[in-house]
Amino acid sequence: MPEEAQPFLAAASEASEPLRIGRAEHRGIVIDGRTVVLVVSGIGMVNAADAAAGAIHRYGPDVAIISAGTAGGLAAEVAVGDVIVGEAAVNVEADARAFGYVLGQTPGMPASYPADERLRAALAAGAEGVSVRVGSAGAGDKFVTVDLAHRLRELFPALLSIDMETAAVAQTAGNHGARFAVARGVSDLCAPDASQFETHVDDAAERSARVVIAALGRL
């Protein structure tokens, strides 16, 4: 979302005019002397996959794609303000257990999508004043409120967070041989409505951006 992109634009010393590729908006930005591409995908798994594929085809399969922004916290130990660095991403919508696959596994695909170790380590080192937790990140096409959160905790007890894009970005990166990682700021704890998210979306996005920007300096 634009709210998730804003902290990167605020930190950039230069930013290009936006380029539209499909629905996604691409900008070249310079942060601490490093040029990266900021892609605003739009919300949801299809938009995220389309944006990731567009980026890979434009910039090449050797790109490193980081899913940044906000997420809902699922695990009991996760708090609003934490940044989740994913060891792997899971598609919580996938259910082909009738054919012998595990829950979260699309037929013919892995059960989860591991993050690139070097990218993950750079992100896990964190940023000053930010609490970072490392574990599995889930994603699906539903904004998760309390009832669905209870169900997801039962079905996917290892997940720390849930958002609406990360697993799609991870699968697309994997399909094309691109490196993938995720650093998402926890904006809410899957409350009964969207009010907690609306209160914390900006500061959660800012923490995610701080962790990503710090990681860029380590890579």
N, C-alpha and C. Protein backbone atom coordinates (compact mmCIF):
# COMPACT_ATOMS: atom_id res chain seq x y z
N MET A 1 0.85 -1.19 0.00
CA MET A 1 0.00 0.00 0.00
C MET A 1 0.88 1.24 0.00
N PRO A 2 0.35 2.40 -0.41
CA PRO A 2 1.14 3.63 -0.32
C PRO A 2 1.66 3.91 1.09
N GLU A 3 0.88 3.56 2.10
CA GLU A 3 1.33 3.78 3.48
C GLU A 3 2.58 2.96 3.80
N GLU A 4 2.70 1.79 3.18
CA GLU A 4 3.86 0.93 3.42
C GLU A 4 5.08 1.39 2.63
N ALA A 5 4.83 2.07 1.51
CA ALA A 5 5.93 2.59 0.70
C ALA A 5 6.49 3.91 1.24
N GLN A 6 5.67 4.67 1.95
CA GLN A 6 6.05 6.02 2.34
C GLN A 6 7.34 6.09 3.15
N PRO A 7 7.60 5.20 4.11
CA PRO A 7 8.86 5.30 4.86
C PRO A 7 10.10 5.16 3.98
N PHE A 8 10.02 4.37 2.93
CA PHE A 8 11.15 4.23 2.01
C PHE A 8 11.34 5.51 1.21
N LEU A 9 10.25 6.10 0.75
CA LEU A 9 10.35 7.34 0.00
C LEU A 9 10.89 8.46 0.89
N ALA A 10 10.49 8.47 2.16
CA ALA A 10 10.97 9.50 3.09
C ALA A 10 12.47 9.37 3.34
N ALA A 11 12.99 8.14 3.28
CA ALA A 11 14.41 7.90 3.53
C ALA A 11 15.26 8.06 2.29
N ALA A 12 14.64 8.18 1.12
CA ALA A 12 15.38 8.20 -0.14
C ALA A 12 15.93 9.59 -0.42
N SER A 13 17.18 9.64 -0.91
CA SER A 13 17.76 10.90 -1.35
C SER A 13 17.36 11.23 -2.78
N GLU A 14 16.97 10.20 -3.54
CA GLU A 14 16.48 10.39 -4.91
C GLU A 14 15.36 9.39 -5.15
N ALA A 15 14.41 9.78 -5.98
CA ALA A 15 13.33 8.88 -6.37
C ALA A 15 12.89 9.21 -7.78
N SER A 16 12.75 8.19 -8.61
CA SER A 16 12.32 8.40 -9.99
C SER A 16 10.82 8.62 -10.04
N GLU A 17 10.36 9.05 -11.19
CA GLU A 17 8.92 9.10 -11.41
C GLU A 17 8.37 7.67 -11.45
N PRO A 18 7.13 7.47 -11.01
CA PRO A 18 6.60 6.10 -10.99
C PRO A 18 6.40 5.53 -12.39
N LEU A 19 6.67 4.23 -12.52
CA LEU A 19 6.45 3.48 -13.74
C LEU A 19 5.39 2.42 -13.45
N ARG A 20 4.35 2.36 -14.25
CA ARG A 20 3.31 1.36 -14.05
C ARG A 20 3.62 0.11 -14.88
N ILE A 21 3.61 -1.03 -14.22
CA ILE A 21 3.71 -2.32 -14.90
C ILE A 21 2.53 -3.14 -14.39
N GLY A 22 1.53 -3.32 -15.23
CA GLY A 22 0.27 -3.87 -14.76
C GLY A 22 -0.34 -2.89 -13.76
N ARG A 23 -0.74 -3.40 -12.60
CA ARG A 23 -1.29 -2.53 -11.57
C ARG A 23 -0.20 -1.96 -10.68
N ALA A 24 0.98 -2.57 -10.70
CA ALA A 24 2.05 -2.21 -9.76
C ALA A 24 2.73 -0.92 -10.18
N GLU A 25 3.22 -0.20 -9.18
CA GLU A 25 3.94 1.06 -9.38
C GLU A 25 5.39 0.86 -8.96
N HIS A 26 6.33 1.10 -9.89
CA HIS A 26 7.75 0.92 -9.65
C HIS A 26 8.43 2.29 -9.58
N ARG A 27 9.32 2.46 -8.60
CA ARG A 27 10.16 3.66 -8.52
C ARG A 27 11.59 3.23 -8.20
N GLY A 28 12.54 3.77 -8.92
CA GLY A 28 13.92 3.65 -8.52
C GLY A 28 14.20 4.66 -7.42
N ILE A 29 14.76 4.20 -6.31
CA ILE A 29 15.08 5.11 -5.21
C ILE A 29 16.51 4.87 -4.76
N VAL A 30 17.13 5.90 -4.20
CA VAL A 30 18.49 5.81 -3.67
C VAL A 30 18.44 6.03 -2.17
N ILE A 31 18.90 5.03 -1.43
CA ILE A 31 18.94 5.09 0.03
C ILE A 31 20.36 4.79 0.47
N ASP A 32 20.97 5.73 1.18
CA ASP A 32 22.35 5.57 1.66
C ASP A 32 23.29 5.18 0.52
N GLY A 33 23.09 5.78 -0.63
CA GLY A 33 23.96 5.53 -1.77
C GLY A 33 23.67 4.26 -2.55
N ARG A 34 22.67 3.50 -2.13
CA ARG A 34 22.32 2.26 -2.82
C ARG A 34 21.03 2.46 -3.60
N THR A 35 21.02 2.02 -4.85
CA THR A 35 19.83 2.12 -5.68
C THR A 35 19.03 0.83 -5.59
N VAL A 36 17.77 0.96 -5.24
CA VAL A 36 16.85 -0.18 -5.19
C VAL A 36 15.57 0.22 -5.91
N VAL A 37 14.73 -0.75 -6.16
CA VAL A 37 13.44 -0.49 -6.78
C VAL A 37 12.34 -0.73 -5.75
N LEU A 38 11.52 0.26 -5.55
CA LEU A 38 10.39 0.18 -4.64
C LEU A 38 9.15 -0.13 -5.47
N VAL A 39 8.50 -1.25 -5.18
CA VAL A 39 7.33 -1.68 -5.94
C VAL A 39 6.12 -1.70 -5.02
N VAL A 40 5.10 -0.93 -5.36
CA VAL A 40 3.83 -0.97 -4.64
C VAL A 40 2.89 -1.86 -5.45
N SER A 41 2.57 -3.02 -4.89
CA SER A 41 1.87 -4.06 -5.65
C SER A 41 0.37 -3.88 -5.68
N GLY A 42 -0.19 -3.23 -4.66
CA GLY A 42 -1.62 -3.36 -4.41
C GLY A 42 -1.83 -4.54 -3.47
N ILE A 43 -3.04 -4.63 -2.92
CA ILE A 43 -3.34 -5.61 -1.88
C ILE A 43 -3.75 -6.94 -2.48
N GLY A 44 -3.30 -8.03 -1.85
CA GLY A 44 -3.78 -9.35 -2.20
C GLY A 44 -2.76 -10.20 -2.94
N MET A 45 -3.03 -11.50 -2.95
CA MET A 45 -2.09 -12.47 -3.47
C MET A 45 -1.88 -12.34 -4.98
N VAL A 46 -2.94 -12.11 -5.73
CA VAL A 46 -2.79 -12.00 -7.19
C VAL A 46 -2.02 -10.74 -7.55
N ASN A 47 -2.36 -9.62 -6.93
CA ASN A 47 -1.61 -8.39 -7.19
C ASN A 47 -0.14 -8.55 -6.83
N ALA A 48 0.12 -9.22 -5.71
CA ALA A 48 1.50 -9.40 -5.27
C ALA A 48 2.28 -10.28 -6.24
N ALA A 49 1.68 -11.38 -6.67
CA ALA A 49 2.35 -12.26 -7.62
C ALA A 49 2.60 -11.56 -8.95
N ASP A 50 1.62 -10.79 -9.40
CA ASP A 50 1.78 -10.05 -10.65
C ASP A 50 2.91 -9.03 -10.54
N ALA A 51 2.97 -8.32 -9.42
CA ALA A 51 4.02 -7.33 -9.22
C ALA A 51 5.40 -7.97 -9.15
N ALA A 52 5.49 -9.10 -8.45
CA ALA A 52 6.78 -9.79 -8.36
C ALA A 52 7.23 -10.30 -9.72
N ALA A 53 6.30 -10.87 -10.49
CA ALA A 53 6.65 -11.37 -11.82
C ALA A 53 7.08 -10.22 -12.73
N GLY A 54 6.38 -9.09 -12.64
CA GLY A 54 6.76 -7.93 -13.44
C GLY A 54 8.14 -7.43 -13.10
N ALA A 55 8.47 -7.42 -11.80
CA ALA A 55 9.79 -6.98 -11.38
C ALA A 55 10.88 -7.92 -11.87
N ILE A 56 10.63 -9.21 -11.77
CA ILE A 56 11.63 -10.20 -12.20
C ILE A 56 11.87 -10.09 -13.70
N HIS A 57 10.82 -9.94 -14.47
CA HIS A 57 10.98 -9.85 -15.92
C HIS A 57 11.64 -8.54 -16.33
N ARG A 58 11.42 -7.48 -15.58
CA ARG A 58 12.03 -6.20 -15.95
C ARG A 58 13.49 -6.13 -15.52
N TYR A 59 13.80 -6.63 -14.30
CA TYR A 59 15.13 -6.43 -13.72
C TYR A 59 16.00 -7.68 -13.74
N GLY A 60 15.42 -8.83 -14.10
CA GLY A 60 16.21 -10.05 -14.22
C GLY A 60 16.01 -10.97 -13.04
N PRO A 61 16.18 -12.28 -13.24
CA PRO A 61 15.93 -13.26 -12.18
C PRO A 61 16.96 -13.27 -11.06
N ASP A 62 18.07 -12.50 -11.22
CA ASP A 62 19.06 -12.44 -10.15
C ASP A 62 18.71 -11.37 -9.12
N VAL A 63 17.51 -10.78 -9.22
CA VAL A 63 17.10 -9.78 -8.24
C VAL A 63 16.87 -10.45 -6.88
N ALA A 64 16.93 -9.63 -5.85
CA ALA A 64 16.55 -10.06 -4.50
C ALA A 64 15.27 -9.30 -4.15
N ILE A 65 14.21 -10.03 -3.84
CA ILE A 65 12.91 -9.43 -3.56
C ILE A 65 12.62 -9.53 -2.08
N ILE A 66 12.35 -8.39 -1.45
CA ILE A 66 12.00 -8.35 -0.03
C ILE A 66 10.55 -7.90 0.11
N SER A 67 9.74 -8.73 0.73
CA SER A 67 8.35 -8.38 1.01
C SER A 67 8.34 -7.56 2.30
N ALA A 68 8.07 -6.27 2.17
CA ALA A 68 8.09 -5.35 3.31
C ALA A 68 6.70 -4.75 3.50
N GLY A 69 6.46 -4.22 4.69
CA GLY A 69 5.17 -3.61 4.98
C GLY A 69 4.64 -4.07 6.31
N THR A 70 3.34 -4.37 6.36
CA THR A 70 2.69 -4.69 7.63
C THR A 70 2.14 -6.11 7.62
N ALA A 71 1.81 -6.59 8.81
CA ALA A 71 1.23 -7.92 8.98
C ALA A 71 0.47 -7.96 10.29
N GLY A 72 -0.41 -8.94 10.38
CA GLY A 72 -1.07 -9.21 11.65
C GLY A 72 -0.26 -10.23 12.45
N GLY A 73 -0.19 -10.04 13.75
CA GLY A 73 0.52 -10.99 14.60
C GLY A 73 -0.37 -12.16 14.97
N LEU A 74 0.15 -13.39 14.83
CA LEU A 74 -0.62 -14.59 15.16
C LEU A 74 -0.14 -15.26 16.44
N ALA A 75 1.16 -15.46 16.58
CA ALA A 75 1.70 -16.21 17.71
C ALA A 75 1.51 -15.44 19.02
N ALA A 76 1.37 -16.18 20.12
CA ALA A 76 1.09 -15.56 21.42
C ALA A 76 2.18 -14.60 21.84
N GLU A 77 3.43 -14.88 21.46
CA GLU A 77 4.54 -14.05 21.91
C GLU A 77 4.74 -12.79 21.07
N VAL A 78 4.01 -12.66 19.96
CA VAL A 78 4.17 -11.52 19.06
C VAL A 78 3.39 -10.33 19.58
N ALA A 79 3.99 -9.14 19.49
CA ALA A 79 3.35 -7.91 19.96
C ALA A 79 3.29 -6.90 18.83
N VAL A 80 2.32 -6.00 18.91
CA VAL A 80 2.28 -4.87 17.99
C VAL A 80 3.59 -4.09 18.11
N GLY A 81 4.21 -3.80 16.99
CA GLY A 81 5.50 -3.12 16.98
C GLY A 81 6.67 -4.04 16.66
N ASP A 82 6.49 -5.35 16.83
CA ASP A 82 7.53 -6.29 16.41
C ASP A 82 7.66 -6.26 14.89
N VAL A 83 8.83 -6.65 14.41
CA VAL A 83 9.03 -6.91 12.98
C VAL A 83 9.31 -8.40 12.81
N ILE A 84 8.54 -9.04 11.96
CA ILE A 84 8.69 -10.46 11.70
C ILE A 84 9.60 -10.66 10.49
N VAL A 85 10.69 -11.35 10.70
CA VAL A 85 11.59 -11.74 9.60
C VAL A 85 11.33 -13.22 9.33
N GLY A 86 10.89 -13.52 8.12
CA GLY A 86 10.44 -14.87 7.83
C GLY A 86 11.57 -15.83 7.49
N GLU A 87 11.57 -16.98 8.15
CA GLU A 87 12.42 -18.09 7.71
C GLU A 87 11.83 -18.74 6.46
N ALA A 88 10.49 -18.73 6.39
CA ALA A 88 9.78 -19.30 5.26
C ALA A 88 8.40 -18.68 5.20
N ALA A 89 7.77 -18.77 4.03
CA ALA A 89 6.42 -18.25 3.84
C ALA A 89 5.49 -19.40 3.49
N VAL A 90 4.26 -19.33 4.00
CA VAL A 90 3.26 -20.39 3.83
C VAL A 90 1.98 -19.78 3.27
N ASN A 91 1.40 -20.44 2.28
CA ASN A 91 0.11 -20.03 1.71
C ASN A 91 -1.00 -20.69 2.53
N VAL A 92 -1.65 -19.93 3.39
CA VAL A 92 -2.66 -20.52 4.28
C VAL A 92 -3.95 -20.85 3.55
N GLU A 93 -4.10 -20.42 2.30
CA GLU A 93 -5.30 -20.71 1.53
C GLU A 93 -5.24 -22.10 0.88
N ALA A 94 -4.04 -22.65 0.72
CA ALA A 94 -3.88 -23.90 -0.04
C ALA A 94 -4.32 -25.09 0.81
N ASP A 95 -5.20 -25.92 0.25
CA ASP A 95 -5.66 -27.12 0.95
C ASP A 95 -5.95 -28.21 -0.07
N ALA A 96 -4.96 -29.06 -0.30
CA ALA A 96 -5.12 -30.20 -1.20
C ALA A 96 -4.87 -31.49 -0.44
N ARG A 97 -5.31 -31.52 0.83
CA ARG A 97 -5.08 -32.71 1.66
C ARG A 97 -5.78 -33.94 1.10
N ALA A 98 -6.84 -33.75 0.32
CA ALA A 98 -7.54 -34.88 -0.29
C ALA A 98 -6.63 -35.67 -1.22
N PHE A 99 -5.57 -35.03 -1.71
CA PHE A 99 -4.64 -35.68 -2.62
C PHE A 99 -3.32 -36.04 -1.95
N GLY A 100 -3.28 -35.94 -0.63
CA GLY A 100 -2.09 -36.34 0.11
C GLY A 100 -1.09 -35.24 0.38
N TYR A 101 -1.42 -34.01 0.02
CA TYR A 101 -0.54 -32.88 0.31
C TYR A 101 -0.79 -32.38 1.73
N VAL A 102 0.19 -31.68 2.28
CA VAL A 102 0.00 -31.11 3.61
C VAL A 102 -0.76 -29.80 3.48
N LEU A 103 -1.40 -29.39 4.56
CA LEU A 103 -2.14 -28.14 4.56
C LEU A 103 -1.17 -26.99 4.29
N GLY A 104 -1.55 -26.11 3.37
CA GLY A 104 -0.69 -25.00 2.98
C GLY A 104 0.13 -25.28 1.73
N GLN A 105 0.02 -26.50 1.20
CA GLN A 105 0.82 -26.89 0.04
C GLN A 105 -0.04 -26.95 -1.21
N THR A 106 0.32 -26.17 -2.21
CA THR A 106 -0.32 -26.25 -3.52
C THR A 106 0.22 -27.47 -4.26
N PRO A 107 -0.63 -28.27 -4.91
CA PRO A 107 -0.14 -29.45 -5.61
C PRO A 107 1.02 -29.13 -6.54
N GLY A 108 2.06 -29.94 -6.42
CA GLY A 108 3.24 -29.78 -7.25
C GLY A 108 4.23 -28.75 -6.75
N MET A 109 3.90 -28.08 -5.65
CA MET A 109 4.75 -27.02 -5.11
C MET A 109 5.22 -27.42 -3.72
N PRO A 110 6.26 -26.76 -3.19
CA PRO A 110 6.72 -27.08 -1.83
C PRO A 110 5.68 -26.68 -0.78
N ALA A 111 5.81 -27.23 0.40
CA ALA A 111 4.87 -26.92 1.49
C ALA A 111 5.07 -25.51 2.01
N SER A 112 6.28 -24.98 1.86
CA SER A 112 6.57 -23.60 2.24
C SER A 112 7.71 -23.11 1.36
N TYR A 113 7.94 -21.80 1.40
CA TYR A 113 8.93 -21.18 0.52
C TYR A 113 10.02 -20.53 1.38
N PRO A 114 11.20 -21.15 1.45
CA PRO A 114 12.24 -20.64 2.35
C PRO A 114 12.82 -19.32 1.87
N ALA A 115 13.14 -18.48 2.83
CA ALA A 115 13.81 -17.22 2.52
C ALA A 115 15.28 -17.48 2.21
N ASP A 116 15.85 -16.63 1.38
CA ASP A 116 17.28 -16.68 1.10
C ASP A 116 18.04 -16.45 2.41
N GLU A 117 19.00 -17.32 2.70
CA GLU A 117 19.67 -17.27 4.00
C GLU A 117 20.43 -15.97 4.22
N ARG A 118 21.10 -15.49 3.19
CA ARG A 118 21.89 -14.26 3.35
C ARG A 118 20.97 -13.06 3.58
N LEU A 119 19.90 -12.96 2.81
CA LEU A 119 18.96 -11.87 3.01
C LEU A 119 18.31 -11.95 4.39
N ARG A 120 17.91 -13.15 4.77
CA ARG A 120 17.26 -13.33 6.08
C ARG A 120 18.18 -12.92 7.21
N ALA A 121 19.45 -13.32 7.13
CA ALA A 121 20.40 -12.97 8.19
C ALA A 121 20.59 -11.47 8.28
N ALA A 122 20.67 -10.79 7.13
CA ALA A 122 20.82 -9.34 7.14
C ALA A 122 19.62 -8.66 7.77
N LEU A 123 18.42 -9.17 7.49
CA LEU A 123 17.20 -8.61 8.07
C LEU A 123 17.10 -8.94 9.56
N ALA A 124 17.46 -10.15 9.92
CA ALA A 124 17.34 -10.58 11.31
C ALA A 124 18.24 -9.81 12.25
N ALA A 125 19.31 -9.22 11.72
CA ALA A 125 20.18 -8.38 12.55
C ALA A 125 19.46 -7.12 13.01
N GLY A 126 18.34 -6.79 12.38
CA GLY A 126 17.44 -5.76 12.89
C GLY A 126 17.92 -4.33 12.69
N ALA A 127 17.31 -3.45 13.46
CA ALA A 127 17.64 -2.03 13.45
C ALA A 127 17.49 -1.52 14.88
N GLU A 128 18.19 -0.45 15.19
CA GLU A 128 18.18 0.08 16.54
C GLU A 128 16.75 0.41 16.99
N GLY A 129 16.40 -0.10 18.16
CA GLY A 129 15.10 0.20 18.74
C GLY A 129 13.94 -0.61 18.20
N VAL A 130 14.22 -1.62 17.38
CA VAL A 130 13.16 -2.44 16.79
C VAL A 130 13.28 -3.87 17.30
N SER A 131 12.18 -4.43 17.78
CA SER A 131 12.13 -5.82 18.20
C SER A 131 11.88 -6.71 16.99
N VAL A 132 12.82 -7.63 16.73
CA VAL A 132 12.72 -8.52 15.57
C VAL A 132 12.49 -9.95 16.06
N ARG A 133 11.54 -10.62 15.44
CA ARG A 133 11.29 -12.04 15.71
C ARG A 133 11.42 -12.81 14.40
N VAL A 134 12.08 -13.96 14.45
CA VAL A 134 12.34 -14.76 13.25
C VAL A 134 11.51 -16.04 13.32
N GLY A 135 10.78 -16.32 12.26
CA GLY A 135 9.96 -17.52 12.20
C GLY A 135 9.20 -17.58 10.89
N SER A 136 8.16 -18.40 10.84
CA SER A 136 7.39 -18.56 9.61
C SER A 136 6.34 -17.47 9.47
N ALA A 137 6.15 -17.01 8.23
CA ALA A 137 5.16 -15.99 7.91
C ALA A 137 4.11 -16.58 6.99
N GLY A 138 2.85 -16.34 7.29
CA GLY A 138 1.77 -16.85 6.45
C GLY A 138 1.13 -15.74 5.66
N ALA A 139 0.41 -16.12 4.60
CA ALA A 139 -0.33 -15.14 3.81
C ALA A 139 -1.50 -15.82 3.13
N GLY A 140 -2.55 -15.04 2.92
CA GLY A 140 -3.75 -15.49 2.21
C GLY A 140 -4.54 -14.28 1.78
N ASP A 141 -5.67 -14.52 1.15
CA ASP A 141 -6.43 -13.42 0.57
C ASP A 141 -7.50 -12.86 1.50
N LYS A 142 -7.45 -13.17 2.77
CA LYS A 142 -8.42 -12.64 3.72
C LYS A 142 -7.72 -11.74 4.73
N PHE A 143 -8.35 -10.60 5.05
CA PHE A 143 -7.89 -9.80 6.18
C PHE A 143 -8.31 -10.54 7.44
N VAL A 144 -7.36 -10.91 8.29
CA VAL A 144 -7.63 -11.83 9.38
C VAL A 144 -8.08 -11.08 10.63
N THR A 145 -9.28 -11.39 11.07
CA THR A 145 -9.79 -10.90 12.35
C THR A 145 -9.87 -12.07 13.32
N VAL A 146 -10.46 -11.86 14.47
CA VAL A 146 -10.27 -12.75 15.61
C VAL A 146 -10.71 -14.19 15.34
N ASP A 147 -11.87 -14.40 14.71
CA ASP A 147 -12.34 -15.77 14.52
C ASP A 147 -11.42 -16.57 13.60
N LEU A 148 -11.03 -15.97 12.49
CA LEU A 148 -10.12 -16.66 11.57
C LEU A 148 -8.75 -16.84 12.21
N ALA A 149 -8.34 -15.88 13.02
CA ALA A 149 -7.03 -16.01 13.69
C ALA A 149 -7.00 -17.24 14.59
N HIS A 150 -8.07 -17.47 15.34
CA HIS A 150 -8.13 -18.67 16.19
C HIS A 150 -7.97 -19.93 15.34
N ARG A 151 -8.64 -19.96 14.20
CA ARG A 151 -8.57 -21.12 13.32
C ARG A 151 -7.16 -21.31 12.76
N LEU A 152 -6.54 -20.22 12.34
CA LEU A 152 -5.19 -20.31 11.79
C LEU A 152 -4.18 -20.76 12.83
N ARG A 153 -4.36 -20.33 14.06
CA ARG A 153 -3.44 -20.77 15.12
C ARG A 153 -3.54 -22.27 15.34
N GLU A 154 -4.72 -22.82 15.18
CA GLU A 154 -4.89 -24.28 15.31
C GLU A 154 -4.28 -25.01 14.12
N LEU A 155 -4.51 -24.49 12.93
CA LEU A 155 -4.06 -25.18 11.71
C LEU A 155 -2.58 -24.98 11.42
N PHE A 156 -2.05 -23.81 11.76
CA PHE A 156 -0.65 -23.46 11.46
C PHE A 156 0.02 -22.93 12.73
N PRO A 157 0.27 -23.78 13.70
CA PRO A 157 0.77 -23.30 15.01
C PRO A 157 2.15 -22.65 14.95
N ALA A 158 2.92 -22.88 13.89
CA ALA A 158 4.27 -22.31 13.80
C ALA A 158 4.28 -20.89 13.26
N LEU A 159 3.17 -20.40 12.70
CA LEU A 159 3.18 -19.09 12.07
C LEU A 159 3.25 -17.97 13.10
N LEU A 160 4.14 -17.01 12.84
CA LEU A 160 4.22 -15.82 13.68
C LEU A 160 3.29 -14.72 13.21
N SER A 161 3.05 -14.65 11.89
CA SER A 161 2.31 -13.52 11.34
C SER A 161 1.50 -13.95 10.13
N ILE A 162 0.60 -13.05 9.75
CA ILE A 162 -0.23 -13.29 8.58
C ILE A 162 -0.42 -11.97 7.82
N ASP A 163 -0.28 -12.03 6.50
CA ASP A 163 -0.57 -10.86 5.68
C ASP A 163 -1.25 -11.34 4.40
N MET A 164 -1.37 -10.47 3.40
CA MET A 164 -2.13 -10.81 2.20
C MET A 164 -1.27 -10.86 0.94
N GLU A 165 0.06 -10.90 1.09
CA GLU A 165 0.93 -10.87 -0.08
C GLU A 165 2.14 -11.81 -0.03
N THR A 166 2.72 -12.02 1.14
CA THR A 166 4.08 -12.57 1.21
C THR A 166 4.23 -13.93 0.55
N ALA A 167 3.30 -14.86 0.77
CA ALA A 167 3.45 -16.19 0.19
C ALA A 167 3.40 -16.14 -1.33
N ALA A 168 2.60 -15.23 -1.88
CA ALA A 168 2.53 -15.10 -3.33
C ALA A 168 3.83 -14.57 -3.90
N VAL A 169 4.43 -13.60 -3.22
CA VAL A 169 5.74 -13.08 -3.64
C VAL A 169 6.78 -14.19 -3.56
N ALA A 170 6.75 -14.95 -2.47
CA ALA A 170 7.73 -16.02 -2.27
C ALA A 170 7.61 -17.10 -3.34
N GLN A 171 6.38 -17.52 -3.65
CA GLN A 171 6.20 -18.55 -4.66
C GLN A 171 6.64 -18.06 -6.03
N THR A 172 6.29 -16.81 -6.37
CA THR A 172 6.69 -16.27 -7.66
C THR A 172 8.22 -16.19 -7.77
N ALA A 173 8.86 -15.71 -6.70
CA ALA A 173 10.32 -15.67 -6.69
C ALA A 173 10.90 -17.06 -6.89
N GLY A 174 10.36 -18.03 -6.17
CA GLY A 174 10.84 -19.41 -6.30
C GLY A 174 10.65 -19.96 -7.70
N ASN A 175 9.52 -19.65 -8.31
CA ASN A 175 9.25 -20.14 -9.67
C ASN A 175 10.28 -19.62 -10.68
N HIS A 176 10.81 -18.43 -10.42
CA HIS A 176 11.74 -17.80 -11.36
C HIS A 176 13.20 -17.88 -10.92
N GLY A 177 13.47 -18.52 -9.79
CA GLY A 177 14.84 -18.62 -9.31
C GLY A 177 15.38 -17.35 -8.69
N ALA A 178 14.51 -16.45 -8.29
CA ALA A 178 14.93 -15.21 -7.64
C ALA A 178 15.03 -15.41 -6.13
N ARG A 179 15.86 -14.63 -5.50
CA ARG A 179 15.99 -14.68 -4.03
C ARG A 179 14.85 -13.92 -3.38
N PHE A 180 14.43 -14.40 -2.21
CA PHE A 180 13.26 -13.84 -1.53
C PHE A 180 13.54 -13.72 -0.03
N ALA A 181 12.97 -12.68 0.57
CA ALA A 181 12.97 -12.55 2.03
C ALA A 181 11.79 -11.68 2.43
N VAL A 182 11.51 -11.64 3.73
CA VAL A 182 10.36 -10.87 4.22
C VAL A 182 10.70 -10.22 5.55
N ALA A 183 10.27 -8.96 5.70
CA ALA A 183 10.36 -8.24 6.97
C ALA A 183 9.10 -7.40 7.10
N ARG A 184 8.18 -7.84 7.94
CA ARG A 184 6.88 -7.20 8.07
C ARG A 184 6.66 -6.71 9.50
N GLY A 185 6.24 -5.45 9.62
CA GLY A 185 5.94 -4.89 10.92
C GLY A 185 4.54 -5.27 11.37
N VAL A 186 4.42 -5.67 12.63
CA VAL A 186 3.12 -6.10 13.16
C VAL A 186 2.28 -4.87 13.51
N SER A 187 1.18 -4.73 12.79
CA SER A 187 0.30 -3.58 12.97
C SER A 187 -0.89 -3.90 13.87
N ASP A 188 -1.19 -5.18 14.03
CA ASP A 188 -2.38 -5.57 14.80
C ASP A 188 -2.24 -7.02 15.21
N LEU A 189 -3.10 -7.43 16.14
CA LEU A 189 -3.10 -8.81 16.62
C LEU A 189 -4.39 -9.51 16.21
N CYS A 190 -4.81 -9.26 14.98
CA CYS A 190 -5.98 -9.91 14.41
C CYS A 190 -7.20 -9.69 15.31
N ALA A 191 -7.46 -8.41 15.58
CA ALA A 191 -8.55 -7.99 16.45
C ALA A 191 -9.90 -8.20 15.76
N PRO A 192 -11.03 -7.96 16.47
CA PRO A 192 -12.34 -8.19 15.86
C PRO A 192 -12.64 -7.32 14.66
N ASP A 193 -11.97 -6.18 14.52
CA ASP A 193 -12.19 -5.32 13.37
C ASP A 193 -10.85 -4.72 12.94
N ALA A 194 -10.90 -3.75 12.01
CA ALA A 194 -9.67 -3.19 11.46
C ALA A 194 -9.14 -2.00 12.23
N SER A 195 -9.73 -1.66 13.38
CA SER A 195 -9.36 -0.42 14.06
C SER A 195 -7.91 -0.45 14.56
N GLN A 196 -7.45 -1.58 15.08
CA GLN A 196 -6.06 -1.66 15.56
C GLN A 196 -5.09 -1.51 14.39
N PHE A 197 -5.38 -2.15 13.28
CA PHE A 197 -4.56 -1.98 12.08
C PHE A 197 -4.51 -0.53 11.65
N GLU A 198 -5.66 0.12 11.60
CA GLU A 198 -5.70 1.51 11.15
C GLU A 198 -4.91 2.43 12.07
N THR A 199 -4.86 2.09 13.36
CA THR A 199 -4.11 2.90 14.33
C THR A 199 -2.61 2.75 14.13
N HIS A 200 -2.16 1.54 13.78
CA HIS A 200 -0.72 1.25 13.80
C HIS A 200 -0.10 0.99 12.44
N VAL A 201 -0.87 1.13 11.35
CA VAL A 201 -0.31 0.81 10.03
C VAL A 201 0.92 1.65 9.73
N ASP A 202 0.88 2.93 10.05
CA ASP A 202 2.01 3.80 9.70
C ASP A 202 3.26 3.47 10.49
N ASP A 203 3.14 3.27 11.82
CA ASP A 203 4.35 2.99 12.61
C ASP A 203 4.86 1.57 12.35
N ALA A 204 3.96 0.62 12.04
CA ALA A 204 4.42 -0.73 11.70
C ALA A 204 5.19 -0.71 10.37
N ALA A 205 4.68 0.04 9.41
CA ALA A 205 5.38 0.16 8.12
C ALA A 205 6.74 0.82 8.30
N GLU A 206 6.80 1.82 9.18
CA GLU A 206 8.06 2.52 9.43
C GLU A 206 9.09 1.57 10.04
N ARG A 207 8.69 0.71 10.96
CA ARG A 207 9.63 -0.25 11.56
C ARG A 207 10.11 -1.27 10.53
N SER A 208 9.20 -1.75 9.71
CA SER A 208 9.60 -2.66 8.64
C SER A 208 10.65 -2.01 7.74
N ALA A 209 10.39 -0.77 7.36
CA ALA A 209 11.33 -0.06 6.48
C ALA A 209 12.69 0.12 7.15
N ARG A 210 12.70 0.44 8.44
CA ARG A 210 13.97 0.62 9.15
C ARG A 210 14.79 -0.67 9.13
N VAL A 211 14.14 -1.80 9.31
CA VAL A 211 14.85 -3.09 9.29
C VAL A 211 15.39 -3.38 7.89
N VAL A 212 14.58 -3.11 6.87
CA VAL A 212 15.04 -3.36 5.50
C VAL A 212 16.19 -2.44 5.13
N ILE A 213 16.08 -1.16 5.48
CA ILE A 213 17.14 -0.20 5.14
C ILE A 213 18.43 -0.56 5.86
N ALA A 214 18.34 -0.98 7.13
CA ALA A 214 19.53 -1.42 7.84
C ALA A 214 20.15 -2.64 7.18
N ALA A 215 19.31 -3.55 6.70
CA ALA A 215 19.82 -4.75 6.04
C ALA A 215 20.54 -4.42 4.74
N LEU A 216 20.04 -3.41 4.02
CA LEU A 216 20.70 -3.03 2.76
C LEU A 216 22.15 -2.65 3.00
N GLY A 217 22.43 -2.04 4.14
CA GLY A 217 23.80 -1.66 4.46
C GLY A 217 24.70 -2.83 4.78
N ARG A 218 24.10 -4.00 5.05
CA ARG A 218 24.87 -5.21 5.38
C ARG A 218 25.10 -6.10 4.17
N LEU A 219 24.44 -5.80 3.07
CA LEU A 219 24.48 -6.69 1.91
C LEU A 219 25.46 -6.19 0.87
